[in-house]
Each structure stands twice: as C-alpha cells, then as structure tokens.
Amino acid sequence: MSQKRRTFTTDFKKQVVALYESGKSRQDIVSEYELTASALDRWIAVFGI
C-alpha cells in the first residue's frame, strides 16, 4: 500500500524553521516530526532568515 502524502501548513513550516534557527539540530527535527531532510532543507531555504 502506498502512503498518502502529508501536507503541512505554512505556520507549521515556519515553526520548524524557527526551531532549527534557535539551535535544534536538523536530525532531531527530522526524527521528531517524521520529516525528510530534503523537505526541511527546502523550508529553511524558503522561510529562513
């Protein structure tokens, strides 16, 4: 069975990027929120400072 693609709100993405910018490691964020590293990198590029 294929998994349904999850969607995330802009607010959620910004909150995750804020965690990264406050010092939380990429690996911790990816593991905790079950994200892909590439998705997190993309969000950082778009929403980061």
PDB file of N, CA and C in Angstrom:
ATOM      1  N   MET A   1       0.833  -1.183   0.000  1.00  0.00           N
ATOM      2  CA  MET A   1       0.000   0.000   0.000  1.00  0.00           C
ATOM      3  C   MET A   1       0.879   1.249   0.000  1.00  0.00           C
ATOM      4  N   SER A   2       0.463   2.227  -0.752  1.00  0.00           N
ATOM      5  CA  SER A   2       1.218   3.481  -0.772  1.00  0.00           C
ATOM      6  C   SER A   2       0.709   4.381   0.347  1.00  0.00           C
ATOM      7  N   GLN A   3       1.618   5.214   0.820  1.00  0.00           N
ATOM      8  CA  GLN A   3       1.232   6.139   1.879  1.00  0.00           C
ATOM      9  C   GLN A   3       0.683   7.405   1.263  1.00  0.00           C
ATOM     10  N   LYS A   4      -0.283   8.007   1.933  1.00  0.00           N
ATOM     11  CA  LYS A   4      -0.835   9.275   1.477  1.00  0.00           C
ATOM     12  C   LYS A   4       0.162  10.379   1.781  1.00  0.00           C
ATOM     13  N   ARG A   5       0.362  11.252   0.857  1.00  0.00           N
ATOM     14  CA  ARG A   5       1.293  12.366   1.016  1.00  0.00           C
ATOM     15  C   ARG A   5       0.740  13.348   2.040  1.00  0.00           C
ATOM     16  N   ARG A   6       1.578  13.699   3.008  1.00  0.00           N
ATOM     17  CA  ARG A   6       1.145  14.645   4.034  1.00  0.00           C
ATOM     18  C   ARG A   6       1.355  16.066   3.557  1.00  0.00           C
ATOM     19  N   THR A   7       0.499  16.960   4.015  1.00  0.00           N
ATOM     20  CA  THR A   7       0.674  18.379   3.717  1.00  0.00           C
ATOM     21  C   THR A   7       0.847  19.120   5.035  1.00  0.00           C
ATOM     22  N   PHE A   8       1.606  20.181   4.984  1.00  0.00           N
ATOM     23  CA  PHE A   8       1.907  20.957   6.178  1.00  0.00           C
ATOM     24  C   PHE A   8       1.541  22.420   5.933  1.00  0.00           C
ATOM     25  N   THR A   9       1.021  23.057   6.964  1.00  0.00           N
ATOM     26  CA  THR A   9       0.655  24.461   6.824  1.00  0.00           C
ATOM     27  C   THR A   9       1.908  25.330   6.816  1.00  0.00           C
ATOM     28  N   THR A  10       1.761  26.517   6.289  1.00  0.00           N
ATOM     29  CA  THR A  10       2.872  27.470   6.272  1.00  0.00           C
ATOM     30  C   THR A  10       3.306  27.788   7.694  1.00  0.00           C
ATOM     31  N   ASP A  11       2.360  27.914   8.608  1.00  0.00           N
ATOM     32  CA  ASP A  11       2.701  28.201  10.008  1.00  0.00           C
ATOM     33  C   ASP A  11       3.541  27.081  10.610  1.00  0.00           C
ATOM     34  N   PHE A  12       3.184  25.838  10.327  1.00  0.00           N
ATOM     35  CA  PHE A  12       3.964  24.703  10.833  1.00  0.00           C
ATOM     36  C   PHE A  12       5.385  24.752  10.283  1.00  0.00           C
ATOM     37  N   LYS A  13       5.519  25.001   8.992  1.00  0.00           N
ATOM     38  CA  LYS A  13       6.840  25.064   8.371  1.00  0.00           C
ATOM     39  C   LYS A  13       7.694  26.156   9.027  1.00  0.00           C
ATOM     40  N   LYS A  14       7.089  27.309   9.255  1.00  0.00           N
ATOM     41  CA  LYS A  14       7.823  28.417   9.883  1.00  0.00           C
ATOM     42  C   LYS A  14       8.227  28.067  11.315  1.00  0.00           C
ATOM     43  N   GLN A  15       7.386  27.355  12.037  1.00  0.00           N
ATOM     44  CA  GLN A  15       7.713  26.948  13.403  1.00  0.00           C
ATOM     45  C   GLN A  15       8.892  25.975  13.404  1.00  0.00           C
ATOM     46  N   VAL A  16       8.906  25.049  12.457  1.00  0.00           N
ATOM     47  CA  VAL A  16      10.004  24.084  12.367  1.00  0.00           C
ATOM     48  C   VAL A  16      11.304  24.799  12.013  1.00  0.00           C
ATOM     49  N   VAL A  17      11.248  25.746  11.089  1.00  0.00           N
ATOM     50  CA  VAL A  17      12.441  26.517  10.722  1.00  0.00           C
ATOM     51  C   VAL A  17      12.929  27.322  11.918  1.00  0.00           C
ATOM     52  N   ALA A  18      12.006  27.874  12.695  1.00  0.00           N
ATOM     53  CA  ALA A  18      12.392  28.629  13.897  1.00  0.00           C
ATOM     54  C   ALA A  18      13.118  27.730  14.895  1.00  0.00           C
ATOM     55  N   LEU A  19      12.673  26.490  15.047  1.00  0.00           N
ATOM     56  CA  LEU A  19      13.373  25.542  15.914  1.00  0.00           C
ATOM     57  C   LEU A  19      14.807  25.336  15.436  1.00  0.00           C
ATOM     58  N   TYR A  20      14.962  25.161  14.131  1.00  0.00           N
ATOM     59  CA  TYR A  20      16.291  24.964  13.557  1.00  0.00           C
ATOM     60  C   TYR A  20      17.170  26.192  13.811  1.00  0.00           C
ATOM     61  N   GLU A  21      16.607  27.371  13.596  1.00  0.00           N
ATOM     62  CA  GLU A  21      17.376  28.599  13.767  1.00  0.00           C
ATOM     63  C   GLU A  21      17.702  28.886  15.227  1.00  0.00           C
ATOM     64  N   SER A  22      16.934  28.315  16.144  1.00  0.00           N
ATOM     65  CA  SER A  22      17.214  28.515  17.567  1.00  0.00           C
ATOM     66  C   SER A  22      18.248  27.513  18.091  1.00  0.00           C
ATOM     67  N   GLY A  23      18.713  26.615  17.212  1.00  0.00           N
ATOM     68  CA  GLY A  23      19.801  25.733  17.601  1.00  0.00           C
ATOM     69  C   GLY A  23      19.505  24.248  17.620  1.00  0.00           C
ATOM     70  N   LYS A  24      18.273  23.857  17.369  1.00  0.00           N
ATOM     71  CA  LYS A  24      17.945  22.423  17.348  1.00  0.00           C
ATOM     72  C   LYS A  24      18.531  21.801  16.080  1.00  0.00           C
ATOM     73  N   SER A  25      19.094  20.630  16.194  1.00  0.00           N
ATOM     74  CA  SER A  25      19.769  20.014  15.042  1.00  0.00           C
ATOM     75  C   SER A  25      18.761  19.536  13.995  1.00  0.00           C
ATOM     76  N   ARG A  26      19.244  19.502  12.751  1.00  0.00           N
ATOM     77  CA  ARG A  26      18.404  19.021  11.649  1.00  0.00           C
ATOM     78  C   ARG A  26      17.925  17.598  11.940  1.00  0.00           C
ATOM     79  N   GLN A  27      18.837  16.756  12.394  1.00  0.00           N
ATOM     80  CA  GLN A  27      18.489  15.352  12.630  1.00  0.00           C
ATOM     81  C   GLN A  27      17.415  15.218  13.703  1.00  0.00           C
ATOM     82  N   ASP A  28      17.511  16.008  14.763  1.00  0.00           N
ATOM     83  CA  ASP A  28      16.498  15.966  15.819  1.00  0.00           C
ATOM     84  C   ASP A  28      15.129  16.369  15.279  1.00  0.00           C
ATOM     85  N   ILE A  29      15.106  17.419  14.469  1.00  0.00           N
ATOM     86  CA  ILE A  29      13.834  17.895  13.910  1.00  0.00           C
ATOM     87  C   ILE A  29      13.245  16.856  12.961  1.00  0.00           C
ATOM     88  N   VAL A  30      14.084  16.318  12.080  1.00  0.00           N
ATOM     89  CA  VAL A  30      13.616  15.310  11.118  1.00  0.00           C
ATOM     90  C   VAL A  30      13.038  14.102  11.841  1.00  0.00           C
ATOM     91  N   SER A  31      13.725  13.656  12.888  1.00  0.00           N
ATOM     92  CA  SER A  31      13.254  12.486  13.639  1.00  0.00           C
ATOM     93  C   SER A  31      11.974  12.782  14.415  1.00  0.00           C
ATOM     94  N   GLU A  32      11.959  13.907  15.103  1.00  0.00           N
ATOM     95  CA  GLU A  32      10.824  14.239  15.959  1.00  0.00           C
ATOM     96  C   GLU A  32       9.533  14.440  15.171  1.00  0.00           C
ATOM     97  N   TYR A  33       9.626  15.092  14.023  1.00  0.00           N
ATOM     98  CA  TYR A  33       8.428  15.408  13.245  1.00  0.00           C
ATOM     99  C   TYR A  33       8.219  14.481  12.051  1.00  0.00           C
ATOM    100  N   GLU A  34       9.086  13.448  11.936  1.00  0.00           N
ATOM    101  CA  GLU A  34       8.995  12.468  10.851  1.00  0.00           C
ATOM    102  C   GLU A  34       8.959  13.152   9.484  1.00  0.00           C
ATOM    103  N   LEU A  35       9.945  14.027   9.261  1.00  0.00           N
ATOM    104  CA  LEU A  35      10.084  14.740   8.002  1.00  0.00           C
ATOM    105  C   LEU A  35      11.237  14.136   7.213  1.00  0.00           C
ATOM    106  N   THR A  36      11.319  14.507   5.960  1.00  0.00           N
ATOM    107  CA  THR A  36      12.509  14.165   5.195  1.00  0.00           C
ATOM    108  C   THR A  36      13.494  15.327   5.319  1.00  0.00           C
ATOM    109  N   ALA A  37      14.767  14.998   5.251  1.00  0.00           N
ATOM    110  CA  ALA A  37      15.793  16.034   5.349  1.00  0.00           C
ATOM    111  C   ALA A  37      15.660  17.028   4.197  1.00  0.00           C
ATOM    112  N   SER A  38      15.304  16.546   3.024  1.00  0.00           N
ATOM    113  CA  SER A  38      15.184  17.449   1.873  1.00  0.00           C
ATOM    114  C   SER A  38      14.023  18.429   2.052  1.00  0.00           C
ATOM    115  N   ALA A  39      12.937  17.987   2.660  1.00  0.00           N
ATOM    116  CA  ALA A  39      11.811  18.894   2.915  1.00  0.00           C
ATOM    117  C   ALA A  39      12.237  19.980   3.898  1.00  0.00           C
ATOM    118  N   LEU A  40      12.940  19.580   4.955  1.00  0.00           N
ATOM    119  CA  LEU A  40      13.402  20.558   5.940  1.00  0.00           C
ATOM    120  C   LEU A  40      14.358  21.552   5.296  1.00  0.00           C
ATOM    121  N   ASP A  41      15.282  21.073   4.492  1.00  0.00           N
ATOM    122  CA  ASP A  41      16.223  21.966   3.806  1.00  0.00           C
ATOM    123  C   ASP A  41      15.492  22.970   2.921  1.00  0.00           C
ATOM    124  N   ARG A  42      14.480  22.505   2.223  1.00  0.00           N
ATOM    125  CA  ARG A  42      13.702  23.380   1.356  1.00  0.00           C
ATOM    126  C   ARG A  42      12.983  24.454   2.171  1.00  0.00           C
ATOM    127  N   TRP A  43      12.386  24.046   3.299  1.00  0.00           N
ATOM    128  CA  TRP A  43      11.695  25.015   4.152  1.00  0.00           C
ATOM    129  C   TRP A  43      12.659  26.054   4.712  1.00  0.00           C
ATOM    130  N   ILE A  44      13.862  25.611   5.095  1.00  0.00           N
ATOM    131  CA  ILE A  44      14.869  26.539   5.611  1.00  0.00           C
ATOM    132  C   ILE A  44      15.248  27.557   4.539  1.00  0.00           C
ATOM    133  N   ALA A  45      15.392  27.090   3.302  1.00  0.00           N
ATOM    134  CA  ALA A  45      15.741  27.983   2.193  1.00  0.00           C
ATOM    135  C   ALA A  45      14.635  28.998   1.947  1.00  0.00           C
ATOM    136  N   VAL A  46      13.393  28.575   2.075  1.00  0.00           N
ATOM    137  CA  VAL A  46      12.264  29.459   1.773  1.00  0.00           C
ATOM    138  C   VAL A  46      11.916  30.370   2.948  1.00  0.00           C
ATOM    139  N   PHE A  47      11.885  29.833   4.157  1.00  0.00           N
ATOM    140  CA  PHE A  47      11.386  30.575   5.324  1.00  0.00           C
ATOM    141  C   PHE A  47      12.479  31.056   6.268  1.00  0.00           C
ATOM    142  N   GLY A  48      13.706  30.646   6.034  1.00  0.00           N
ATOM    143  CA  GLY A  48      14.803  31.011   6.938  1.00  0.00           C
ATOM    144  C   GLY A  48      15.176  32.480   6.828  1.00  0.00           C
ATOM    145  N   ILE A  49      15.934  32.902   7.804  1.00  0.00           N
ATOM    146  CA  ILE A  49      16.363  34.310   7.839  1.00  0.00           C
ATOM    147  C   ILE A  49      17.410  34.550   6.774  1.00  0.00           C
TER     148      ILE A  49
END
